[in-house]
């Protein structure tokens, strides 16, 4: 007996579209990465690329005085201690304001 689920998950045209979209997303990410690294000087070298692997992405709330906290798990994973200097990139996610 054959199972109806043995065939491809998507029709071939849909799979090709998915693959093209994925490839475009990777290219866009690479372009953004290169633009980001351009702020550090010339093209990224291996030391800069290594530094980029020591990153964390997390969501946090802005506290009084504009302060944000780095969660314990991220501080431990990146060996960040009080007094260390870190670089931050801020992207607003959601605003909880009544306007």
N, C-alpha and C. Protein backbone atom coordinates (compact mmCIF):
# COMPACT_ATOMS: atom_id res chain seq x y z
N UNK A 1 0.83 -1.18 0.00
CA UNK A 1 0.00 0.00 0.00
C UNK A 1 0.87 1.24 0.00
N UNK A 2 0.42 2.22 -0.72
CA UNK A 2 1.18 3.47 -0.73
C UNK A 2 0.48 4.49 0.14
N UNK A 3 1.26 5.30 0.74
CA UNK A 3 0.75 6.36 1.60
C UNK A 3 0.61 7.62 0.77
N UNK A 4 -0.47 8.36 0.96
CA UNK A 4 -0.68 9.59 0.21
C UNK A 4 0.40 10.62 0.51
N UNK A 5 1.08 10.52 1.61
CA UNK A 5 2.10 11.48 2.01
C UNK A 5 3.48 11.15 1.46
N UNK A 6 3.59 10.10 0.61
CA UNK A 6 4.89 9.73 0.06
C UNK A 6 5.39 10.72 -0.98
N UNK A 7 4.51 11.47 -1.61
CA UNK A 7 4.89 12.39 -2.68
C UNK A 7 5.54 13.65 -2.13
N UNK A 8 5.95 14.54 -3.02
CA UNK A 8 6.57 15.79 -2.58
C UNK A 8 5.58 16.63 -1.77
N UNK A 9 6.13 17.37 -0.81
CA UNK A 9 5.30 18.18 0.06
C UNK A 9 4.65 19.32 -0.72
N UNK A 10 5.39 19.92 -1.67
CA UNK A 10 4.89 21.03 -2.48
C UNK A 10 5.00 20.67 -3.95
N UNK A 11 4.17 21.28 -4.77
CA UNK A 11 4.36 21.10 -6.22
C UNK A 11 5.73 21.66 -6.62
N UNK A 12 6.34 21.15 -7.70
CA UNK A 12 7.68 21.60 -8.10
C UNK A 12 7.80 23.11 -8.25
N UNK A 13 6.81 23.77 -8.84
CA UNK A 13 6.89 25.23 -9.01
C UNK A 13 6.93 25.94 -7.66
N UNK A 14 6.17 25.45 -6.71
CA UNK A 14 6.15 26.05 -5.37
C UNK A 14 7.49 25.84 -4.68
N UNK A 15 8.07 24.64 -4.85
CA UNK A 15 9.37 24.36 -4.26
C UNK A 15 10.44 25.29 -4.84
N UNK A 16 10.42 25.50 -6.16
CA UNK A 16 11.38 26.40 -6.80
C UNK A 16 11.23 27.82 -6.27
N UNK A 17 10.00 28.28 -6.10
CA UNK A 17 9.76 29.61 -5.56
C UNK A 17 10.30 29.71 -4.14
N UNK A 18 10.06 28.67 -3.33
CA UNK A 18 10.57 28.64 -1.96
C UNK A 18 12.10 28.70 -1.96
N UNK A 19 12.72 27.93 -2.84
CA UNK A 19 14.18 27.89 -2.91
C UNK A 19 14.74 29.25 -3.34
N UNK A 20 14.12 29.87 -4.35
CA UNK A 20 14.58 31.19 -4.80
C UNK A 20 14.43 32.23 -3.69
N UNK A 21 13.32 32.19 -3.00
CA UNK A 21 13.08 33.13 -1.91
C UNK A 21 14.11 32.94 -0.80
N UNK A 22 14.44 31.70 -0.48
CA UNK A 22 15.45 31.41 0.54
C UNK A 22 16.81 31.95 0.12
N UNK A 23 17.17 31.73 -1.15
CA UNK A 23 18.45 32.22 -1.65
C UNK A 23 18.51 33.73 -1.61
N UNK A 24 17.40 34.40 -1.96
CA UNK A 24 17.37 35.86 -1.90
C UNK A 24 17.51 36.35 -0.48
N UNK A 25 16.90 35.65 0.47
CA UNK A 25 17.00 36.03 1.87
C UNK A 25 18.45 35.93 2.35
N UNK A 26 19.14 34.87 1.95
CA UNK A 26 20.55 34.70 2.34
C UNK A 26 21.38 35.82 1.74
N UNK A 27 21.15 36.15 0.47
CA UNK A 27 21.90 37.23 -0.17
C UNK A 27 21.66 38.55 0.54
N UNK A 28 20.41 38.82 0.90
CA UNK A 28 20.09 40.06 1.61
C UNK A 28 20.79 40.10 2.96
N UNK A 29 20.79 38.98 3.69
CA UNK A 29 21.49 38.94 4.97
C UNK A 29 22.98 39.19 4.80
N UNK A 30 23.57 38.62 3.75
CA UNK A 30 24.99 38.82 3.51
C UNK A 30 25.28 40.29 3.19
N UNK A 31 24.41 40.92 2.39
CA UNK A 31 24.59 42.33 2.06
C UNK A 31 24.49 43.19 3.31
N UNK A 32 23.50 42.92 4.15
CA UNK A 32 23.35 43.69 5.39
C UNK A 32 24.56 43.49 6.30
N UNK A 33 25.05 42.26 6.38
CA UNK A 33 26.24 41.97 7.19
C UNK A 33 27.44 42.76 6.68
N UNK A 34 27.63 42.77 5.35
CA UNK A 34 28.75 43.51 4.78
C UNK A 34 28.61 45.00 5.04
N UNK A 35 27.38 45.53 4.95
CA UNK A 35 27.17 46.94 5.25
C UNK A 35 27.47 47.23 6.71
N UNK A 36 27.03 46.34 7.60
CA UNK A 36 27.29 46.50 9.02
C UNK A 36 28.78 46.50 9.30
N UNK A 37 29.49 45.56 8.68
CA UNK A 37 30.93 45.43 8.92
C UNK A 37 31.68 46.59 8.29
N UNK A 38 31.11 47.23 7.28
CA UNK A 38 31.75 48.38 6.65
C UNK A 38 32.00 49.49 7.65
N UNK A 39 31.19 49.56 8.69
CA UNK A 39 31.39 50.57 9.73
C UNK A 39 32.64 50.33 10.56
N UNK A 40 33.22 49.12 10.48
CA UNK A 40 34.42 48.81 11.24
C UNK A 40 35.69 49.05 10.44
N UNK A 41 35.56 49.51 9.23
CA UNK A 41 36.75 49.73 8.41
C UNK A 41 36.61 49.00 7.10
N UNK A 42 37.68 48.41 6.63
CA UNK A 42 37.69 47.71 5.34
C UNK A 42 36.84 46.45 5.41
N UNK A 43 37.08 45.54 4.52
CA UNK A 43 36.32 44.30 4.50
C UNK A 43 36.58 43.52 5.78
N UNK A 44 35.60 42.73 6.21
CA UNK A 44 35.77 41.99 7.46
C UNK A 44 36.86 40.94 7.36
N UNK A 45 37.70 40.86 8.38
CA UNK A 45 38.70 39.80 8.41
C UNK A 45 38.22 38.72 9.38
N UNK A 46 39.00 37.69 9.55
CA UNK A 46 38.56 36.57 10.38
C UNK A 46 38.36 36.97 11.84
N UNK A 47 39.15 37.93 12.36
CA UNK A 47 38.96 38.36 13.74
C UNK A 47 37.60 39.01 13.92
N UNK A 48 37.20 39.84 12.95
CA UNK A 48 35.91 40.50 13.05
C UNK A 48 34.79 39.47 12.92
N UNK A 49 34.96 38.51 12.03
CA UNK A 49 33.93 37.48 11.87
C UNK A 49 33.82 36.65 13.15
N UNK A 50 34.94 36.36 13.79
CA UNK A 50 34.92 35.63 15.04
C UNK A 50 34.20 36.40 16.12
N UNK A 51 34.39 37.71 16.14
CA UNK A 51 33.70 38.54 17.12
C UNK A 51 32.20 38.51 16.90
N UNK A 52 31.78 38.40 15.64
CA UNK A 52 30.36 38.39 15.35
C UNK A 52 29.69 37.11 15.84
N UNK A 53 30.44 36.04 16.06
CA UNK A 53 29.83 34.81 16.57
C UNK A 53 29.57 34.89 18.06
N UNK A 54 30.16 35.86 18.74
CA UNK A 54 29.93 36.05 20.17
C UNK A 54 28.85 37.10 20.35
N UNK A 55 27.67 36.80 19.84
CA UNK A 55 26.55 37.74 19.91
C UNK A 55 25.36 37.06 20.55
N UNK A 56 24.48 37.87 21.08
CA UNK A 56 23.21 37.37 21.61
C UNK A 56 22.10 38.26 21.10
N UNK A 57 20.97 37.69 20.83
CA UNK A 57 19.79 38.45 20.44
C UNK A 57 18.70 38.11 21.45
N UNK A 58 18.13 39.14 22.04
CA UNK A 58 17.10 38.93 23.04
C UNK A 58 16.22 40.17 23.09
N UNK A 59 15.04 40.01 23.67
CA UNK A 59 14.13 41.13 23.86
C UNK A 59 14.13 41.50 25.33
N UNK A 60 14.05 42.79 25.60
CA UNK A 60 14.02 43.27 26.97
C UNK A 60 13.21 44.55 27.01
N UNK A 61 12.78 44.93 28.17
CA UNK A 61 12.01 46.17 28.32
C UNK A 61 12.94 47.32 28.68
N UNK A 62 12.58 48.50 28.22
CA UNK A 62 13.31 49.71 28.59
C UNK A 62 12.83 50.10 29.98
N UNK A 63 13.78 50.29 30.89
CA UNK A 63 13.47 50.63 32.27
C UNK A 63 13.63 52.13 32.46
N UNK A 64 13.43 52.60 33.67
CA UNK A 64 13.54 54.02 33.95
C UNK A 64 14.92 54.53 33.56
N UNK A 65 14.96 55.73 33.07
CA UNK A 65 16.23 56.32 32.65
C UNK A 65 16.76 55.74 31.35
N UNK A 66 15.93 54.98 30.62
CA UNK A 66 16.37 54.40 29.35
C UNK A 66 17.25 53.18 29.51
N UNK A 67 17.29 52.59 30.68
CA UNK A 67 18.16 51.44 30.92
C UNK A 67 17.55 50.16 30.37
N UNK A 68 18.41 49.29 29.87
CA UNK A 68 18.02 47.94 29.45
C UNK A 68 18.92 46.95 30.16
N UNK A 69 18.40 45.76 30.43
CA UNK A 69 19.17 44.74 31.13
C UNK A 69 19.52 43.60 30.16
N UNK A 70 20.71 43.06 30.33
CA UNK A 70 21.11 41.88 29.58
C UNK A 70 20.77 40.68 30.46
N UNK A 71 19.94 39.76 29.97
CA UNK A 71 19.55 38.61 30.79
C UNK A 71 20.75 37.79 31.27
N UNK A 72 20.58 37.15 32.42
CA UNK A 72 21.65 36.35 33.04
C UNK A 72 22.25 35.34 32.07
N UNK A 73 21.40 34.61 31.35
CA UNK A 73 21.90 33.55 30.45
C UNK A 73 22.84 34.12 29.39
N UNK A 74 22.48 35.29 28.83
CA UNK A 74 23.33 35.90 27.81
C UNK A 74 24.63 36.42 28.42
N UNK A 75 24.55 37.00 29.61
CA UNK A 75 25.78 37.48 30.27
C UNK A 75 26.73 36.33 30.54
N UNK A 76 26.18 35.21 30.99
CA UNK A 76 27.02 34.04 31.27
C UNK A 76 27.60 33.46 29.98
N UNK A 77 26.76 33.32 28.96
CA UNK A 77 27.21 32.73 27.70
C UNK A 77 28.31 33.56 27.04
N UNK A 78 28.22 34.88 27.18
CA UNK A 78 29.20 35.77 26.54
C UNK A 78 30.27 36.26 27.51
N UNK A 79 30.24 35.76 28.74
CA UNK A 79 31.22 36.14 29.76
C UNK A 79 31.27 37.65 29.95
N UNK A 80 30.10 38.25 30.09
CA UNK A 80 29.98 39.70 30.30
C UNK A 80 29.85 39.94 31.80
N UNK A 81 30.70 40.83 32.31
CA UNK A 81 30.67 41.17 33.73
C UNK A 81 30.40 42.66 33.90
N UNK A 82 30.02 43.03 35.11
CA UNK A 82 29.76 44.43 35.41
C UNK A 82 31.00 45.27 35.07
N UNK A 83 30.78 46.37 34.38
CA UNK A 83 31.89 47.25 33.99
C UNK A 83 32.41 46.97 32.59
N UNK A 84 32.05 45.82 32.00
CA UNK A 84 32.47 45.53 30.62
C UNK A 84 31.78 46.50 29.67
N UNK A 85 32.44 46.82 28.59
CA UNK A 85 31.85 47.65 27.56
C UNK A 85 31.32 46.74 26.47
N UNK A 86 30.05 46.94 26.09
CA UNK A 86 29.41 46.14 25.04
C UNK A 86 28.83 47.08 23.99
N UNK A 87 28.64 46.58 22.81
CA UNK A 87 28.01 47.36 21.75
C UNK A 87 26.58 46.86 21.60
N UNK A 88 25.65 47.79 21.46
CA UNK A 88 24.25 47.40 21.33
C UNK A 88 23.66 47.94 20.04
N UNK A 89 22.70 47.21 19.51
CA UNK A 89 21.90 47.65 18.38
C UNK A 89 20.46 47.59 18.85
N UNK A 90 19.73 48.68 18.73
CA UNK A 90 18.38 48.73 19.27
C UNK A 90 17.37 48.79 18.12
N UNK A 91 16.45 47.84 18.13
CA UNK A 91 15.36 47.80 17.16
C UNK A 91 14.05 47.74 17.94
N UNK A 92 13.22 48.78 17.89
CA UNK A 92 11.95 48.72 18.61
C UNK A 92 11.11 47.56 18.09
N UNK A 93 10.51 46.79 19.02
CA UNK A 93 9.70 45.63 18.65
C UNK A 93 8.23 45.96 18.80
N UNK A 94 7.86 46.46 19.96
CA UNK A 94 6.45 46.73 20.24
C UNK A 94 6.37 47.88 21.22
N UNK A 95 5.44 48.76 20.96
CA UNK A 95 5.23 49.87 21.87
C UNK A 95 3.96 49.63 22.67
N UNK A 96 4.04 49.78 23.97
CA UNK A 96 2.88 49.59 24.86
C UNK A 96 2.36 50.92 25.34
N UNK A 97 2.17 51.84 24.42
CA UNK A 97 1.70 53.16 24.79
C UNK A 97 0.29 53.39 24.28
N UNK A 98 -0.47 54.11 25.03
CA UNK A 98 -1.78 54.52 24.52
C UNK A 98 -1.58 55.91 23.92
N UNK A 99 -1.91 56.02 22.66
CA UNK A 99 -1.67 57.31 21.98
C UNK A 99 -2.94 58.03 21.68
